[in-house]
């Protein structure tokens, strides 16, 4: 590679490659974090959906809510 490219070009490509690797690592970390937050939000949504369903059932049948 060095026979066809100048030392400056090789150095620039090496630096850019290192920068790209760092960016890919950062994006991977960011993706993992966002995925965890999305899973937590979905879990929270499922909990809220169950809570709303329970409240709707209590409104529909007030005697069922008194038994709980």
Protein backbone atom coordinates (compact mmCIF):
# COMPACT_ATOMS: atom_id res chain seq x y z
CA UNK A 1 0.00 0.00 0.00
CA UNK A 2 2.79 2.41 0.87
CA UNK A 3 4.38 1.90 -2.57
CA UNK A 4 1.28 3.31 -4.27
CA UNK A 5 0.27 5.93 -1.67
CA UNK A 6 2.09 8.77 -0.02
CA UNK A 7 2.84 8.58 3.68
CA UNK A 8 0.40 11.43 4.28
CA UNK A 9 -2.40 9.59 2.48
CA UNK A 10 -1.76 6.41 4.46
CA UNK A 11 -1.72 8.40 7.71
CA UNK A 12 -4.96 10.18 6.79
CA UNK A 13 -6.70 6.90 5.94
CA UNK A 14 -5.44 5.31 9.15
CA UNK A 15 -6.72 8.27 11.19
CA UNK A 16 -10.08 8.22 9.44
CA UNK A 17 -10.35 4.46 9.99
CA UNK A 18 -9.67 4.94 13.70
CA UNK A 19 -12.28 7.71 13.86
CA UNK A 20 -14.83 5.54 12.10
CA UNK A 21 -14.18 2.65 14.49
CA UNK A 22 -14.72 4.97 17.45
CA UNK A 23 -17.94 6.30 15.93
CA UNK A 24 -19.23 2.76 15.30
CA UNK A 25 -18.48 1.86 18.94
CA UNK A 26 -20.34 4.99 20.11
CA UNK A 27 -23.31 4.25 17.86
CA UNK A 28 -23.40 0.66 19.14
CA UNK A 29 -23.45 1.92 22.72
CA UNK A 30 -26.13 4.50 21.89
CA UNK A 31 -28.20 1.82 20.16
CA UNK A 32 -27.94 -0.46 23.20
CA UNK A 33 -29.01 2.37 25.50
CA UNK A 34 -31.96 3.32 23.31
CA UNK A 35 -32.99 -0.33 23.03
CA UNK A 36 -33.00 -0.67 26.83
CA UNK A 37 -35.07 2.52 27.18
CA UNK A 38 -37.52 1.27 24.55
CA UNK A 39 -37.92 -2.05 26.38
CA UNK A 40 -38.56 -0.20 29.63
CA UNK A 41 -41.12 2.08 27.96
CA UNK A 42 -42.91 -0.93 26.46
CA UNK A 43 -42.96 -2.64 29.85
CA UNK A 44 -44.37 0.50 31.45
CA UNK A 45 -46.99 0.74 28.72
CA UNK A 46 -48.07 -2.87 29.33
CA UNK A 47 -48.39 -2.10 33.04
CA UNK A 48 -50.47 1.00 32.29
CA UNK A 49 -52.67 -0.97 29.88
CA UNK A 50 -53.36 -3.57 32.59
CA UNK A 51 -54.12 -0.82 35.11
CA UNK A 52 -56.56 0.88 32.71
CA UNK A 53 -58.23 -2.47 32.01
CA UNK A 54 -58.60 -3.08 35.76
CA UNK A 55 -60.12 0.38 36.26
CA UNK A 56 -62.50 -0.13 33.34
CA UNK A 57 -63.59 -3.46 34.84
CA UNK A 58 -64.22 -1.76 38.19
CA UNK A 59 -66.31 0.94 36.53
CA UNK A 60 -68.29 -1.66 34.57
CA UNK A 61 -68.87 -3.81 37.67
CA UNK A 62 -68.43 -1.77 40.86
CA UNK A 63 -69.11 -4.81 43.04
CA UNK A 64 -66.00 -6.53 41.59
CA UNK A 65 -63.83 -3.59 42.66
CA UNK A 66 -65.19 -3.75 46.22
CA UNK A 67 -64.21 -7.43 46.50
CA UNK A 68 -60.53 -6.70 45.74
